[in-house]
C-alpha atoms as a PDB file:
ATOM      1  CA  UNK A   1      75.739  -5.678 201.360  1.00  0.00           C
ATOM      2  CA  UNK A   2      74.955  -2.523 203.317  1.00  0.00           C
ATOM      3  CA  UNK A   3      78.014  -0.611 201.975  1.00  0.00           C
ATOM      4  CA  UNK A   4      76.982  -1.438 198.404  1.00  0.00           C
ATOM      5  CA  UNK A   5      73.428  -0.265 198.983  1.00  0.00           C
ATOM      6  CA  UNK A   6      74.619   2.982 200.606  1.00  0.00           C
ATOM      7  CA  UNK A   7      77.050   3.592 197.731  1.00  0.00           C
ATOM      8  CA  UNK A   8      74.337   2.999 195.135  1.00  0.00           C
ATOM      9  CA  UNK A   9      72.004   5.383 196.940  1.00  0.00           C
ATOM     10  CA  UNK A  10      74.701   8.076 197.066  1.00  0.00           C
ATOM     11  CA  UNK A  11      76.201   7.617 193.569  1.00  0.00           C
ATOM     12  CA  UNK A  12      73.650   9.928 191.986  1.00  0.00           C
ATOM     13  CA  UNK A  13      74.271  12.659 194.537  1.00  0.00           C
ATOM     14  CA  UNK A  14      78.051  12.296 194.089  1.00  0.00           C
ATOM     15  CA  UNK A  15      77.769  12.643 190.300  1.00  0.00           C
ATOM     16  CA  UNK A  16      75.520  15.696 190.660  1.00  0.00           C
ATOM     17  CA  UNK A  17      77.949  17.225 193.165  1.00  0.00           C
ATOM     18  CA  UNK A  18      80.914  16.656 190.809  1.00  0.00           C
ATOM     19  CA  UNK A  19      79.031  18.177 187.848  1.00  0.00           C
ATOM     20  CA  UNK A  20      77.938  21.131 189.983  1.00  0.00           C
ATOM     21  CA  UNK A  21      81.553  21.662 191.113  1.00  0.00           C
ATOM     22  CA  UNK A  22      82.793  21.566 187.501  1.00  0.00           C
ATOM     23  CA  UNK A  23      80.138  24.095 186.469  1.00  0.00           C
ATOM     24  CA  UNK A  24      81.119  26.424 189.330  1.00  0.00           C
ATOM     25  CA  UNK A  25      84.826  26.157 188.417  1.00  0.00           C
ATOM     26  CA  UNK A  26      84.066  26.774 184.744  1.00  0.00           C
ATOM     27  CA  UNK A  27      81.916  29.803 185.592  1.00  0.00           C
ATOM     28  CA  UNK A  28      84.621  31.153 187.904  1.00  0.00           C
ATOM     29  CA  UNK A  29      87.321  30.675 185.236  1.00  0.00           C
ATOM     30  CA  UNK A  30      85.165  32.367 182.588  1.00  0.00           C
ATOM     31  CA  UNK A  31      84.414  35.272 184.937  1.00  0.00           C
ATOM     32  CA  UNK A  32      88.100  35.805 185.744  1.00  0.00           C
ATOM     33  CA  UNK A  33      89.068  35.628 182.052  1.00  0.00           C
ATOM     34  CA  UNK A  34      86.335  38.124 181.148  1.00  0.00           C
ATOM     35  CA  UNK A  35      87.477  40.513 183.892  1.00  0.00           C
ATOM     36  CA  UNK A  36      91.096  40.280 182.765  1.00  0.00           C
ATOM     37  CA  UNK A  37      90.081  40.860 179.127  1.00  0.00           C
ATOM     38  CA  UNK A  38      87.993  43.881 180.114  1.00  0.00           C
ATOM     39  CA  UNK A  39      90.887  45.248 182.167  1.00  0.00           C
ATOM     40  CA  UNK A  40      93.229  44.824 179.202  1.00  0.00           C
ATOM     41  CA  UNK A  41      90.749  46.548 176.867  1.00  0.00           C
ATOM     42  CA  UNK A  42      90.350  49.410 179.344  1.00  0.00           C
ATOM     43  CA  UNK A  43      94.138  49.835 179.499  1.00  0.00           C
ATOM     44  CA  UNK A  44      94.395  49.761 175.687  1.00  0.00           C
ATOM     45  CA  UNK A  45      91.585  52.342 175.407  1.00  0.00           C
ATOM     46  CA  UNK A  46      93.197  54.645 177.970  1.00  0.00           C
ATOM     47  CA  UNK A  47      96.624  54.369 176.311  1.00  0.00           C
ATOM     48  CA  UNK A  48      95.074  55.087 172.919  1.00  0.00           C
ATOM     49  CA  UNK A  49      93.179  58.136 174.198  1.00  0.00           C
ATOM     50  CA  UNK A  50      96.282  59.471 175.971  1.00  0.00           C
ATOM     51  CA  UNK A  51      98.456  58.974 172.898  1.00  0.00           C
ATOM     52  CA  UNK A  52      95.845  60.433 170.539  1.00  0.00           C
ATOM     53  CA  UNK A  53      95.393  63.483 172.777  1.00  0.00           C
ATOM     54  CA  UNK A  54      99.147  64.052 172.856  1.00  0.00           C
ATOM     55  CA  UNK A  55      99.494  63.507 169.102  1.00  0.00           C
ATOM     56  CA  UNK A  56      96.955  66.241 168.345  1.00  0.00           C
ATOM     57  CA  UNK A  57      97.890  68.665 171.129  1.00  0.00           C
ATOM     58  CA  UNK A  58     101.497  68.954 169.912  1.00  0.00           C
ATOM     59  CA  UNK A  59     100.776  70.101 166.319  1.00  0.00           C
ATOM     60  CA  UNK A  60      97.891  72.310 167.495  1.00  0.00           C
ATOM     61  CA  UNK A  61     100.203  74.063 169.957  1.00  0.00           C
ATOM     62  CA  UNK A  62     102.893  74.439 167.274  1.00  0.00           C
ATOM     63  CA  UNK A  63     100.402  75.908 164.792  1.00  0.00           C
ATOM     64  CA  UNK A  64      99.136  78.305 167.455  1.00  0.00           C
ATOM     65  CA  UNK A  65     102.679  79.529 168.180  1.00  0.00           C
ATOM     66  CA  UNK A  66     103.411  79.924 164.463  1.00  0.00           C
ATOM     67  CA  UNK A  67     100.217  81.956 163.927  1.00  0.00           C
ATOM     68  CA  UNK A  68     101.078  84.213 166.875  1.00  0.00           C
ATOM     69  CA  UNK A  69     104.588  84.708 165.485  1.00  0.00           C
ATOM     70  CA  UNK A  70     103.199  85.650 162.050  1.00  0.00           C
ATOM     71  CA  UNK A  71     101.202  88.461 163.668  1.00  0.00           C
ATOM     72  CA  UNK A  72     104.399  90.083 164.883  1.00  0.00           C
ATOM     73  CA  UNK A  73     105.185  93.305 162.958  1.00  0.00           C
ATOM     74  CA  UNK A  74     108.824  92.313 162.377  1.00  0.00           C
ATOM     75  CA  UNK A  75     107.785  88.954 160.958  1.00  0.00           C
ATOM     76  CA  UNK A  76     105.096  90.513 158.741  1.00  0.00           C
ATOM     77  CA  UNK A  77     107.771  92.683 157.121  1.00  0.00           C
ATOM     78  CA  UNK A  78     110.157  89.758 156.601  1.00  0.00           C
ATOM     79  CA  UNK A  79     109.007  87.534 153.724  1.00  0.00           C
ATOM     80  CA  UNK A  80     111.488  84.761 154.548  1.00  0.00           C
ATOM     81  CA  UNK A  81     110.177  84.490 158.118  1.00  0.00           C
ATOM     82  CA  UNK A  82     106.574  84.450 156.891  1.00  0.00           C
ATOM     83  CA  UNK A  83     107.476  81.611 154.551  1.00  0.00           C
ATOM     84  CA  UNK A  84     109.247  79.773 157.388  1.00  0.00           C
ATOM     85  CA  UNK A  85     106.239  79.941 159.744  1.00  0.00           C
ATOM     86  CA  UNK A  86     103.715  79.156 157.005  1.00  0.00           C
ATOM     87  CA  UNK A  87     105.784  76.059 156.143  1.00  0.00           C
ATOM     88  CA  UNK A  88     105.612  75.014 159.799  1.00  0.00           C
ATOM     89  CA  UNK A  89     101.820  75.386 159.782  1.00  0.00           C
ATOM     90  CA  UNK A  90     101.541  73.377 156.572  1.00  0.00           C
ATOM     91  CA  UNK A  91     103.832  70.628 157.907  1.00  0.00           C
ATOM     92  CA  UNK A  92     101.947  70.325 161.206  1.00  0.00           C
ATOM     93  CA  UNK A  93      98.620  70.315 159.370  1.00  0.00           C
ATOM     94  CA  UNK A  94      99.861  67.464 157.179  1.00  0.00           C
ATOM     95  CA  UNK A  95     101.042  65.672 160.298  1.00  0.00           C
ATOM     96  CA  UNK A  96      97.562  65.854 161.855  1.00  0.00           C
ATOM     97  CA  UNK A  97      96.057  64.681 158.592  1.00  0.00           C
ATOM     98  CA  UNK A  98      98.403  61.666 158.585  1.00  0.00           C
ATOM     99  CA  UNK A  99      97.294  60.799 162.121  1.00  0.00           C
ATOM    100  CA  UNK A 100      93.626  60.933 161.086  1.00  0.00           C
ATOM    101  CA  UNK A 101      94.406  58.760 158.050  1.00  0.00           C
ATOM    102  CA  UNK A 102      96.178  56.265 160.314  1.00  0.00           C
ATOM    103  CA  UNK A 103      93.100  55.905 162.517  1.00  0.00           C
ATOM    104  CA  UNK A 104      90.777  55.645 159.508  1.00  0.00           C
ATOM    105  CA  UNK A 105      92.997  53.001 157.903  1.00  0.00           C
ATOM    106  CA  UNK A 106      92.899  50.981 161.113  1.00  0.00           C
ATOM    107  CA  UNK A 107      89.097  51.170 161.069  1.00  0.00           C
ATOM    108  CA  UNK A 108      88.980  50.039 157.442  1.00  0.00           C
ATOM    109  CA  UNK A 109      91.338  47.148 158.116  1.00  0.00           C
ATOM    110  CA  UNK A 110      89.141  46.081 161.041  1.00  0.00           C
ATOM    111  CA  UNK A 111      86.179  45.909 158.660  1.00  0.00           C
ATOM    112  CA  UNK A 112      88.333  44.412 155.884  1.00  0.00           C
ATOM    113  CA  UNK A 113      87.279  47.205 153.536  1.00  0.00           C
ATOM    114  CA  UNK A 114      90.683  47.836 151.951  1.00  0.00           C
ATOM    115  CA  UNK A 115      90.978  46.680 148.350  1.00  0.00           C
ATOM    116  CA  UNK A 116      94.529  46.349 147.101  1.00  0.00           C
ATOM    117  CA  UNK A 117      95.339  47.824 143.702  1.00  0.00           C
ATOM    118  CA  UNK A 118      97.971  45.286 142.681  1.00  0.00           C
ATOM    119  CA  UNK A 119     100.420  46.069 139.911  1.00  0.00           C
ATOM    120  CA  UNK A 120     104.122  45.382 139.170  1.00  0.00           C
ATOM    121  CA  UNK A 121     106.290  47.298 141.647  1.00  0.00           C
ATOM    122  CA  UNK A 122     110.087  47.501 141.893  1.00  0.00           C
ATOM    123  CA  UNK A 123     110.814  47.243 145.626  1.00  0.00           C
ATOM    124  CA  UNK A 124     114.250  48.859 145.328  1.00  0.00           C
ATOM    125  CA  UNK A 125     112.647  52.026 143.933  1.00  0.00           C
ATOM    126  CA  UNK A 126     110.179  52.090 146.844  1.00  0.00           C
ATOM    127  CA  UNK A 127     112.990  51.642 149.368  1.00  0.00           C
ATOM    128  CA  UNK A 128     115.041  54.482 147.872  1.00  0.00           C
ATOM    129  CA  UNK A 129     112.030  56.839 147.840  1.00  0.00           C
ATOM    130  CA  UNK A 130     111.212  56.035 151.482  1.00  0.00           C
ATOM    131  CA  UNK A 131     114.807  56.508 152.633  1.00  0.00           C
ATOM    132  CA  UNK A 132     114.945  59.906 150.892  1.00  0.00           C
ATOM    133  CA  UNK A 133     111.990  61.031 153.031  1.00  0.00           C
ATOM    134  CA  UNK A 134     114.014  60.427 156.220  1.00  0.00           C
ATOM    135  CA  UNK A 135     117.116  62.365 155.159  1.00  0.00           C
ATOM    136  CA  UNK A 136     116.387  65.386 157.353  1.00  0.00           C
ATOM    137  CA  UNK A 137     115.339  63.352 160.431  1.00  0.00           C
ATOM    138  CA  UNK A 138     118.480  61.239 160.239  1.00  0.00           C
ATOM    139  CA  UNK A 139     120.703  64.251 159.644  1.00  0.00           C
ATOM    140  CA  UNK A 140     119.231  65.860 162.765  1.00  0.00           C
ATOM    141  CA  UNK A 141     120.361  62.804 164.778  1.00  0.00           C
ATOM    142  CA  UNK A 142     123.645  62.359 162.880  1.00  0.00           C
ATOM    143  CA  UNK A 143     122.261  59.023 161.717  1.00  0.00           C
ATOM    144  CA  UNK A 144     122.505  57.163 158.449  1.00  0.00           C
ATOM    145  CA  UNK A 145     120.919  54.461 156.313  1.00  0.00           C
ATOM    146  CA  UNK A 146     123.029  51.739 154.747  1.00  0.00           C
ATOM    147  CA  UNK A 147     121.526  50.258 151.590  1.00  0.00           C
ATOM    148  CA  UNK A 148     122.620  46.772 150.606  1.00  0.00           C
ATOM    149  CA  UNK A 149     120.224  45.986 147.756  1.00  0.00           C
ATOM    150  CA  UNK A 150     121.644  42.692 146.488  1.00  0.00           C
ATOM    151  CA  UNK A 151     118.426  41.138 145.155  1.00  0.00           C
ATOM    152  CA  UNK A 152     118.862  40.204 141.489  1.00  0.00           C
ATOM    153  CA  UNK A 153     115.129  40.670 140.935  1.00  0.00           C
ATOM    154  CA  UNK A 154     112.929  43.063 142.902  1.00  0.00           C
ATOM    155  CA  UNK A 155     109.682  43.022 140.903  1.00  0.00           C
ATOM    156  CA  UNK A 156     106.571  42.003 142.880  1.00  0.00           C
ATOM    157  CA  UNK A 157     102.821  42.438 142.530  1.00  0.00           C
ATOM    158  CA  UNK A 158     101.879  45.047 145.129  1.00  0.00           C
ATOM    159  CA  UNK A 159      99.702  48.007 145.971  1.00  0.00           C
ATOM    160  CA  UNK A 160     102.285  50.756 145.597  1.00  0.00           C
ATOM    161  CA  UNK A 161     100.702  53.067 148.182  1.00  0.00           C
ATOM    162  CA  UNK A 162     100.223  50.457 150.914  1.00  0.00           C
ATOM    163  CA  UNK A 163     103.560  48.779 150.257  1.00  0.00           C
ATOM    164  CA  UNK A 164     105.341  52.129 150.440  1.00  0.00           C
ATOM    165  CA  UNK A 165     103.485  52.877 153.697  1.00  0.00           C
ATOM    166  CA  UNK A 166     104.566  49.621 155.334  1.00  0.00           C
ATOM    167  CA  UNK A 167     108.231  50.209 154.421  1.00  0.00           C
ATOM    168  CA  UNK A 168     107.887  53.784 155.663  1.00  0.00           C
ATOM    169  CA  UNK A 169     106.441  52.577 158.996  1.00  0.00           C
ATOM    170  CA  UNK A 170     109.339  50.168 159.562  1.00  0.00           C
ATOM    171  CA  UNK A 171     111.981  52.804 158.833  1.00  0.00           C
ATOM    172  CA  UNK A 172     110.066  55.335 160.953  1.00  0.00           C
ATOM    173  CA  UNK A 173     110.104  52.899 163.890  1.00  0.00           C
ATOM    174  CA  UNK A 174     113.852  52.403 163.495  1.00  0.00           C
ATOM    175  CA  UNK A 175     114.335  56.175 163.698  1.00  0.00           C
ATOM    176  CA  UNK A 176     111.892  56.724 166.592  1.00  0.00           C
ATOM    177  CA  UNK A 177     113.293  53.948 168.765  1.00  0.00           C
ATOM    178  CA  UNK A 178     116.926  54.996 168.437  1.00  0.00           C
ATOM    179  CA  UNK A 179     119.037  55.105 171.592  1.00  0.00           C
ATOM    180  CA  UNK A 180     119.678  58.461 173.225  1.00  0.00           C
ATOM    181  CA  UNK A 181     123.045  60.030 172.382  1.00  0.00           C
ATOM    182  CA  UNK A 182     123.688  57.268 169.826  1.00  0.00           C
ATOM    183  CA  UNK A 183     123.406  58.087 166.110  1.00  0.00           C
ATOM    184  CA  UNK A 184     120.879  55.707 164.526  1.00  0.00           C
ATOM    185  CA  UNK A 185     122.308  53.349 161.922  1.00  0.00           C
ATOM    186  CA  UNK A 186     119.654  51.611 159.836  1.00  0.00           C
ATOM    187  CA  UNK A 187     120.560  48.896 157.354  1.00  0.00           C
ATOM    188  CA  UNK A 188     118.169  47.918 154.571  1.00  0.00           C
ATOM    189  CA  UNK A 189     119.193  44.816 152.677  1.00  0.00           C
ATOM    190  CA  UNK A 190     117.481  42.684 150.044  1.00  0.00           C
ATOM    191  CA  UNK A 191     117.966  39.236 148.542  1.00  0.00           C
ATOM    192  CA  UNK A 192     116.140  37.081 146.021  1.00  0.00           C
ATOM    193  CA  UNK A 193     116.284  33.371 145.250  1.00  0.00           C
ATOM    194  CA  UNK A 194     114.265  33.034 142.070  1.00  0.00           C
ATOM    195  CA  UNK A 195     110.824  32.709 143.686  1.00  0.00           C
ATOM    196  CA  UNK A 196     111.014  34.834 146.816  1.00  0.00           C
ATOM    197  CA  UNK A 197     112.145  38.354 147.641  1.00  0.00           C
ATOM    198  CA  UNK A 198     113.479  39.058 151.136  1.00  0.00           C
ATOM    199  CA  UNK A 199     113.900  42.490 152.706  1.00  0.00           C
ATOM    200  CA  UNK A 200     115.574  43.121 156.065  1.00  0.00           C
ATOM    201  CA  UNK A 201     115.480  46.305 158.109  1.00  0.00           C
ATOM    202  CA  UNK A 202     118.023  46.320 160.940  1.00  0.00           C
ATOM    203  CA  UNK A 203     118.678  49.057 163.482  1.00  0.00           C
ATOM    204  CA  UNK A 204     120.939  49.747 166.459  1.00  0.00           C
ATOM    205  CA  UNK A 205     118.121  51.113 168.610  1.00  0.00           C
ATOM    206  CA  UNK A 206     116.853  50.353 172.096  1.00  0.00           C
ATOM    207  CA  UNK A 207     115.636  46.879 171.125  1.00  0.00           C
ATOM    208  CA  UNK A 208     112.890  44.847 172.770  1.00  0.00           C
ATOM    209  CA  UNK A 209     112.534  42.028 175.267  1.00  0.00           C
ATOM    210  CA  UNK A 210     110.924  38.698 174.360  1.00  0.00           C
ATOM    211  CA  UNK A 211     107.472  39.611 175.687  1.00  0.00           C
ATOM    212  CA  UNK A 212     107.414  42.797 173.637  1.00  0.00           C
ATOM    213  CA  UNK A 213     108.522  41.005 170.458  1.00  0.00           C
ATOM    214  CA  UNK A 214     105.591  38.607 170.876  1.00  0.00           C
ATOM    215  CA  UNK A 215     103.079  41.476 171.080  1.00  0.00           C
ATOM    216  CA  UNK A 216     104.388  44.205 168.768  1.00  0.00           C
ATOM    217  CA  UNK A 217     102.028  43.292 165.934  1.00  0.00           C
ATOM    218  CA  UNK A 218      98.952  43.656 168.176  1.00  0.00           C
ATOM    219  CA  UNK A 219      96.750  46.635 167.419  1.00  0.00           C
ATOM    220  CA  UNK A 220      97.290  49.613 169.784  1.00  0.00           C
ATOM    221  CA  UNK A 221     100.146  47.834 171.586  1.00  0.00           C
ATOM    222  CA  UNK A 222     103.068  50.080 172.436  1.00  0.00           C
ATOM    223  CA  UNK A 223     106.101  48.982 174.395  1.00  0.00           C
ATOM    224  CA  UNK A 224     106.623  50.987 177.563  1.00  0.00           C
ATOM    225  CA  UNK A 225     109.769  53.067 177.222  1.00  0.00           C
ATOM    226  CA  UNK A 226     109.701  55.004 180.459  1.00  0.00           C
ATOM    227  CA  UNK A 227     107.697  58.003 179.304  1.00  0.00           C
ATOM    228  CA  UNK A 228     104.535  56.995 177.484  1.00  0.00           C
ATOM    229  CA  UNK A 229     104.799  60.073 175.256  1.00  0.00           C
ATOM    230  CA  UNK A 230     108.494  59.992 174.420  1.00  0.00           C
ATOM    231  CA  UNK A 231     107.716  58.066 171.238  1.00  0.00           C
ATOM    232  CA  UNK A 232     104.991  59.355 168.954  1.00  0.00           C
ATOM    233  CA  UNK A 233     102.246  57.149 167.553  1.00  0.00           C
ATOM    234  CA  UNK A 234      99.084  55.229 168.324  1.00  0.00           C
ATOM    235  CA  UNK A 235     100.522  51.718 168.330  1.00  0.00           C
ATOM    236  CA  UNK A 236      98.903  51.043 164.952  1.00  0.00           C
ATOM    237  CA  UNK A 237     102.026  51.064 162.768  1.00  0.00           C
ATOM    238  CA  UNK A 238     103.220  47.481 163.129  1.00  0.00           C
ATOM    239  CA  UNK A 239      99.686  46.100 163.185  1.00  0.00           C
ATOM    240  CA  UNK A 240      99.132  47.839 159.840  1.00  0.00           C
ATOM    241  CA  UNK A 241     102.471  46.532 158.529  1.00  0.00           C
ATOM    242  CA  UNK A 242     101.629  42.924 159.390  1.00  0.00           C
ATOM    243  CA  UNK A 243      98.126  43.210 157.914  1.00  0.00           C
ATOM    244  CA  UNK A 244      99.493  44.662 154.674  1.00  0.00           C
ATOM    245  CA  UNK A 245     102.306  42.113 154.370  1.00  0.00           C
ATOM    246  CA  UNK A 246      99.825  39.269 154.817  1.00  0.00           C
ATOM    247  CA  UNK A 247      97.391  40.930 152.381  1.00  0.00           C
ATOM    248  CA  UNK A 248     100.228  40.706 149.828  1.00  0.00           C
ATOM    249  CA  UNK A 249     100.600  36.977 150.669  1.00  0.00           C
ATOM    250  CA  UNK A 250     103.889  37.719 152.396  1.00  0.00           C
ATOM    251  CA  UNK A 251     105.364  36.971 155.791  1.00  0.00           C
ATOM    252  CA  UNK A 252     106.982  39.195 158.415  1.00  0.00           C
ATOM    253  CA  UNK A 253     108.976  38.290 161.511  1.00  0.00           C
ATOM    254  CA  UNK A 254     110.785  40.278 164.145  1.00  0.00           C
ATOM    255  CA  UNK A 255     113.943  39.603 166.120  1.00  0.00           C
ATOM    256  CA  UNK A 256     115.345  41.857 168.798  1.00  0.00           C
ATOM    257  CA  UNK A 257     117.812  42.115 171.643  1.00  0.00           C
ATOM    258  CA  UNK A 258     117.135  44.630 174.400  1.00  0.00           C
ATOM    259  CA  UNK A 259     119.706  47.427 174.218  1.00  0.00           C
ATOM    260  CA  UNK A 260     121.167  46.280 170.897  1.00  0.00           C
ATOM    261  CA  UNK A 261     118.508  46.773 168.248  1.00  0.00           C
ATOM    262  CA  UNK A 262     115.838  45.060 166.173  1.00  0.00           C
ATOM    263  CA  UNK A 263     115.538  43.311 162.831  1.00  0.00           C
ATOM    264  CA  UNK A 264     112.387  42.974 160.743  1.00  0.00           C
ATOM    265  CA  UNK A 265     112.400  40.481 157.880  1.00  0.00           C
ATOM    266  CA  UNK A 266     109.780  40.452 155.141  1.00  0.00           C
ATOM    267  CA  UNK A 267     109.398  37.647 152.584  1.00  0.00           C
ATOM    268  CA  UNK A 268     107.373  38.297 149.424  1.00  0.00           C
ATOM    269  CA  UNK A 269     106.675  36.278 146.299  1.00  0.00           C
ATOM    270  CA  UNK A 270     108.400  37.597 143.185  1.00  0.00           C
ATOM    271  CA  UNK A 271     106.261  38.421 140.155  1.00  0.00           C
ATOM    272  CA  UNK A 272     106.266  35.655 137.591  1.00  0.00           C
ATOM    273  CA  UNK A 273     107.738  36.885 134.330  1.00  0.00           C
END
């Protein structure tokens, strides 16, 4: 059979052609994926550099203005004004130091160098301390925090510093992403069921769309809000929060509606008594 003989003679070439085509398609797919990944990394790097530059330029400019003001003869003779400007310099210096610490912490987390110092911690005490730190910021925006601490038990094993930082980051986000001309209302509530402790942080801010909610825990990711610099930060806050929650064997999830606000829920294991 001539057709059979021809087919047998060509079968090898056909198989080679198919394999070669698959290899070409695989190479093309890999190349495209690599290019897209590199583009994404370049965008992340540029956003990070832009945000970092802005974060340091602002306090440096403020310190410079305060120093110039302190050289004024009228200010030199007024002790209260000297104290006022020196407080500004100290506050801005601490702010820059916090930004450096944020970057260093991110580097440590990347290398998994952070060792948690676990000890019994009352979450309600941490929440109250954190909320007290935002009194002035909220007052400036006519905002408020509603505490609904209903958990019967709030004792967990935690690193007090890192756990306080993650609560602070969540409240800070709720304040930063408030709607314009709308006083921020932040509700912190807790519940416990014998084995687990649950904490919710709800706000009435600008909210997020579905795509943003899926990516907010990625390192350096920041949702676009019109002006890239209208919200301070490096995009490390929520990545740090998630890493710390999971380091404490906990779980965190986010829910949000664009234009209505966001809710972050954290579940932790209660300390066995």
